[in-house]
Protein backbone atom coordinates (compact mmCIF):
# COMPACT_ATOMS: atom_id res chain seq x y z
CA MET A 1 39.26 5.63 -76.92
CA PRO A 2 38.92 6.90 -73.40
CA ARG A 3 38.58 4.11 -70.83
CA LYS A 4 35.27 3.74 -69.02
CA PRO A 5 35.53 3.96 -65.25
CA SER A 6 35.32 0.52 -63.64
CA ILE A 7 32.80 -0.20 -60.88
CA SER A 8 33.61 -3.00 -58.47
CA LEU A 9 30.96 -5.37 -57.14
CA ALA A 10 31.73 -4.30 -53.57
CA SER A 11 31.16 -0.64 -54.32
CA LEU A 12 27.91 -1.43 -56.10
CA VAL A 13 26.59 -3.40 -53.11
CA ALA A 14 27.66 -0.65 -50.70
CA GLY A 15 25.88 1.94 -52.81
CA CYS A 16 22.68 -0.06 -52.82
CA MET A 17 22.85 -0.44 -49.02
CA LEU A 18 23.33 3.29 -48.52
CA ALA A 19 20.43 4.06 -50.84
CA GLY A 20 18.22 1.64 -48.96
CA ALA A 21 19.22 3.11 -45.62
CA ALA A 22 18.34 6.58 -46.87
CA THR A 23 14.87 5.56 -48.00
CA LEU A 24 13.78 3.18 -45.17
CA ALA A 25 12.68 4.53 -41.76
CA PRO A 26 13.90 2.61 -38.65
CA MET A 27 11.52 -0.04 -37.29
CA PRO A 28 9.77 1.08 -34.08
CA ALA A 29 10.74 -0.80 -30.91
CA ALA A 30 8.22 -3.33 -29.67
CA ALA A 31 5.92 -1.99 -26.97
CA GLU A 32 6.67 -3.29 -23.47
CA ASP A 33 4.16 -5.70 -22.02
CA TRP A 34 2.32 -5.21 -18.75
CA SER A 35 3.36 -7.27 -15.74
CA GLY A 36 1.65 -7.52 -12.38
CA GLN A 37 1.38 -9.12 -8.98
CA VAL A 38 -1.27 -9.68 -6.31
CA THR A 39 -0.43 -10.19 -2.63
CA LEU A 40 -2.84 -11.50 0.03
CA TYR A 41 -1.76 -11.05 3.65
CA GLY A 42 -3.00 -12.27 6.98
CA TRP A 43 -2.37 -9.43 9.40
CA GLY A 44 -2.31 -9.72 13.20
CA ALA A 45 -3.26 -6.05 13.56
CA GLY A 46 -5.71 -4.74 16.08
CA VAL A 47 -6.59 -1.11 16.68
CA THR A 48 -4.48 0.83 19.15
CA GLY A 49 -5.44 4.33 20.27
CA ASP A 50 -8.51 6.31 21.32
CA PHE A 51 -11.97 6.63 19.81
CA THR A 52 -14.47 9.34 20.88
CA PRO A 53 -17.84 9.14 19.06
CA PHE A 54 -19.11 12.66 19.89
CA THR A 55 -18.13 15.81 21.75
CA GLY A 56 -18.17 15.17 25.48
CA GLY A 57 -18.90 11.48 24.95
CA PRO A 58 -17.02 8.52 26.41
CA THR A 59 -13.60 7.72 24.99
CA LEU A 60 -12.90 4.12 24.13
CA SER A 61 -9.20 3.26 24.50
CA PHE A 62 -7.63 0.22 22.89
CA ASP A 63 -4.54 -1.29 24.49
CA LYS A 64 -1.11 -0.93 22.97
CA SER A 65 0.69 -4.15 23.95
CA LEU A 66 0.74 -6.78 21.22
CA SER A 67 -0.90 -9.50 23.31
CA GLU A 68 -3.78 -7.20 24.28
CA VAL A 69 -4.10 -5.88 20.72
CA LEU A 70 -4.52 -9.42 19.43
CA GLN A 71 -7.00 -10.13 22.22
CA ASP A 72 -9.13 -7.17 21.08
CA LEU A 73 -8.82 -8.13 17.41
CA ASP A 74 -11.87 -9.62 15.71
CA GLY A 75 -10.34 -9.87 12.23
CA ALA A 76 -7.90 -8.19 9.87
CA PHE A 77 -6.51 -8.73 6.40
CA PHE A 78 -5.33 -6.79 3.39
CA VAL A 79 -4.67 -7.35 -0.29
CA THR A 80 -2.16 -5.44 -2.42
CA GLY A 81 -1.82 -5.27 -6.20
CA LEU A 82 0.83 -3.78 -8.44
CA ALA A 83 0.98 -3.41 -12.23
CA ARG A 84 3.94 -2.15 -14.25
CA ARG A 85 4.74 -1.27 -17.84
CA GLY A 86 8.24 0.03 -18.35
CA ASP A 87 8.85 2.67 -15.70
CA LEU A 88 5.13 3.25 -15.06
CA VAL A 89 3.88 1.74 -11.78
CA LEU A 90 0.25 1.41 -10.64
CA PHE A 91 -0.41 0.42 -7.01
CA ALA A 92 -3.54 -0.56 -5.07
CA ASP A 93 -4.06 -1.67 -1.47
CA PHE A 94 -7.17 -2.64 0.52
CA THR A 95 -7.12 -2.93 4.33
CA TYR A 96 -9.69 -4.21 6.79
CA SER A 97 -9.51 -4.41 10.57
CA ALA A 98 -12.21 -4.91 13.22
CA SER A 99 -11.64 -4.73 16.97
CA SER A 100 -13.95 -4.79 20.00
CA ARG A 101 -13.42 -3.86 23.61
CA GLU A 102 -15.29 -4.21 26.91
CA GLY A 103 -14.50 -2.53 30.21
CA LEU A 104 -15.53 0.02 32.81
CA LEU A 105 -16.13 3.67 32.00
CA PRO A 106 -14.30 6.03 34.41
CA PRO A 107 -14.97 7.71 36.76
CA VAL A 108 -18.28 5.99 37.64
CA GLY A 109 -17.15 2.50 36.71
CA ALA A 110 -20.15 1.84 34.46
CA PRO A 111 -19.83 -1.19 32.15
CA ALA A 112 -19.11 -0.13 28.56
CA SER A 113 -18.39 -1.81 25.26
CA GLY A 114 -17.25 -0.61 21.89
CA GLU A 115 -16.26 -1.67 18.40
CA VAL A 116 -14.16 -0.03 15.70
CA THR A 117 -14.02 -1.24 12.10
CA ILE A 118 -11.55 0.39 9.73
CA ARG A 119 -11.47 0.01 5.96
CA SER A 120 -9.06 1.81 3.66
CA LEU A 121 -8.42 1.72 -0.08
CA THR A 122 -5.18 3.20 -1.42
CA LEU A 123 -4.68 3.93 -5.13
CA ALA A 124 -1.39 5.38 -6.39
CA ALA A 125 0.70 5.75 -9.54
CA GLY A 126 4.27 6.75 -10.21
CA GLN A 127 7.65 5.93 -11.70
CA ARG A 128 10.16 3.14 -11.08
CA PHE A 129 13.87 3.96 -10.74
CA ASP A 130 16.64 1.38 -11.03
CA VAL A 131 19.32 2.45 -8.53
CA GLY A 132 21.72 -0.42 -9.22
CA GLY A 133 22.52 -3.77 -7.70
CA GLY A 134 19.04 -5.06 -8.49
CA THR A 135 17.42 -2.45 -6.20
CA THR A 136 14.40 -0.54 -7.47
CA VAL A 137 12.58 2.48 -6.02
CA ASP A 138 8.95 3.33 -6.88
CA ALA A 139 8.03 6.99 -6.24
CA MET A 140 4.25 7.44 -6.26
CA GLY A 141 1.40 9.77 -5.44
CA GLY A 142 -2.27 8.99 -4.96
CA LEU A 143 -5.29 8.84 -2.68
CA ARG A 144 -6.44 6.81 0.32
CA ALA A 145 -10.19 6.48 0.95
CA TRP A 146 -11.29 5.63 4.49
CA ARG A 147 -14.41 4.32 6.17
CA LEU A 148 -14.52 4.27 9.98
CA ASP A 149 -17.44 2.52 11.68
CA GLY A 150 -17.68 2.78 15.45
CA GLN A 151 -20.07 1.75 18.17
CA VAL A 152 -20.04 2.69 21.86
CA SER A 153 -22.59 1.42 24.38
CA VAL A 154 -22.92 2.35 28.06
CA PRO A 155 -26.26 0.75 29.10
CA LEU A 156 -26.21 2.12 32.66
CA VAL A 157 -26.41 5.73 31.47
CA GLY A 158 -28.42 5.02 28.32
CA ILE A 159 -25.70 5.73 25.79
CA SER A 160 -25.63 3.80 22.50
CA ILE A 161 -24.21 5.44 19.42
CA ALA A 162 -22.72 4.20 16.14
CA PRO A 163 -20.98 7.00 14.22
CA THR A 164 -19.57 6.53 10.71
CA ALA A 165 -16.93 8.60 8.92
CA ASP A 166 -15.97 8.57 5.24
CA PHE A 167 -13.10 10.70 3.93
CA VAL A 168 -10.26 10.73 1.38
CA ASP A 169 -6.60 11.62 1.95
CA PRO A 170 -3.92 12.54 -0.58
CA ILE A 171 -0.71 10.55 -0.08
CA LEU A 172 2.91 10.42 -1.21
CA ALA A 173 4.58 6.99 -1.23
CA LEU A 174 7.92 5.22 -1.68
CA ARG A 175 8.35 1.50 -2.34
CA VAL A 176 11.84 -0.05 -2.27
CA ASN A 177 12.72 -3.61 -3.30
CA THR A 178 16.26 -4.96 -2.91
CA PRO A 179 17.79 -8.45 -3.20
CA LEU A 180 19.34 -10.00 -0.08
CA ALA A 181 20.56 -13.42 -1.22
CA ASP A 182 19.62 -16.23 -3.56
CA ARG A 183 15.78 -16.27 -3.66
CA TRP A 184 15.53 -13.72 -0.80
CA SER A 185 14.58 -10.05 -1.06
CA LEU A 186 13.57 -7.20 1.25
CA LEU A 187 10.61 -4.93 0.50
CA GLY A 188 10.00 -1.63 2.28
CA TYR A 189 6.98 0.67 1.87
CA LEU A 190 6.36 4.14 3.31
CA ASP A 191 3.60 6.66 2.68
CA LEU A 192 2.54 9.95 4.23
CA GLY A 193 -0.65 11.93 3.72
CA GLY A 194 -3.75 13.60 5.09
CA PHE A 195 -2.40 17.14 5.34
CA GLY A 196 -5.75 18.32 6.75
CA VAL A 197 -7.66 17.40 3.58
CA GLY A 198 -9.44 14.37 5.04
CA SER A 199 -7.57 13.42 8.18
CA ASP A 200 -5.03 15.60 9.94
CA LEU A 201 -2.35 12.97 9.38
CA THR A 202 -1.99 9.45 8.04
CA TYR A 203 1.11 7.38 7.44
CA GLN A 204 2.02 3.78 6.79
CA VAL A 205 5.19 1.72 7.16
CA ALA A 206 5.62 -1.91 6.07
CA VAL A 207 8.69 -4.15 5.84
CA THR A 208 8.70 -7.74 4.57
CA ALA A 209 11.30 -10.42 3.88
CA ASN A 210 10.31 -12.36 0.76
CA TYR A 211 11.25 -15.85 -0.41
CA GLN A 212 10.85 -16.89 -4.06
CA MET A 213 9.28 -20.34 -4.23
CA ASN A 214 9.22 -20.44 -8.07
CA ASP A 215 8.88 -18.07 -11.02
CA SER A 216 5.39 -16.96 -9.96
CA LEU A 217 5.01 -17.52 -6.18
CA TYR A 218 6.62 -15.61 -3.31
CA LEU A 219 6.08 -16.02 0.45
CA SER A 220 6.49 -13.04 2.79
CA VAL A 221 6.79 -12.36 6.51
CA GLY A 222 7.05 -8.94 8.10
CA TRP A 223 5.47 -6.09 10.03
CA ARG A 224 3.02 -3.33 9.11
CA HIS A 225 1.88 -0.13 10.85
CA LEU A 226 -0.94 2.12 9.60
CA TYR A 227 -1.83 5.34 11.47
CA VAL A 228 -4.61 7.89 11.13
CA ASP A 229 -5.51 11.03 13.13
CA TYR A 230 -9.05 12.11 12.24
CA SER A 231 -11.53 14.52 13.80
CA ASP A 232 -14.77 15.96 12.44
CA GLY A 233 -18.07 17.03 13.97
CA GLY A 234 -17.12 15.77 17.42
CA THR A 235 -16.03 12.33 16.20
CA VAL A 236 -12.35 11.78 16.98
CA PHE A 237 -10.22 8.78 16.15
CA LYS A 238 -6.50 8.84 16.77
CA GLY A 239 -4.93 5.45 16.46
CA SER A 240 -3.27 2.81 14.38
CA MET A 241 -3.35 -0.75 13.14
CA THR A 242 -0.08 -2.51 13.79
CA GLY A 243 1.21 -6.06 13.91
CA PRO A 244 2.96 -8.97 12.20
CA LEU A 245 1.90 -10.24 8.79
CA LEU A 246 2.26 -13.34 6.65
CA GLY A 247 1.48 -13.29 2.95
CA ALA A 248 1.75 -14.86 -0.47
CA THR A 249 2.38 -13.08 -3.78
CA TRP A 250 1.45 -14.33 -7.24
CA ARG A 251 3.29 -12.68 -10.14
CA PHE A 252 2.03 -12.74 -13.71
């Protein structure tokens, strides 16, 4: 009689595994979870620059030295939030600054006073790139909405006006985070926008050194500068908010 071919146990198991692999689709990878952080800063930033409420009207100039800026400052703060899922990054930033000034209006020397309050809300989205060594770069695009409230009073000549301006600027932004040492990191942020859509030009630069207190809490110290050049209907504001900052970040 012809001999029946023998089938080993190993070959039988291997055949079953191959058959199973051919009939079962691969399991999908688990979706990445969202992570986020919120940062609240105290900002020693007054307004520097010139504010003209109407064509031919008086120009209110705010001083540019830090001590005089802080003397003019009534209050300033901002809050920043960031959310991330994989390489997708969502960014939001709210800024508030109020400054007041009193002096003499040239050339007649009439007493004058003025106030400028600036609010801005930045919303952006983009992609995170890992460039090695623990350094990440977020490239983003978005919008910055502004509200400028001003008031200029010159009682001697009967001038009292309070113009308001609302506008929105497109922006492009970069955010870079790199480790420095154990628990220390450096964060840099830069954006540029306006392009004549809302303002003629706006840009922002911020640099902070950050210390990790624990898994969720970071403390930061640094400097921030926010500039806008806006003109419309005789109202002209060309100036910036600049100064030191101190903040705390909660990650979740």
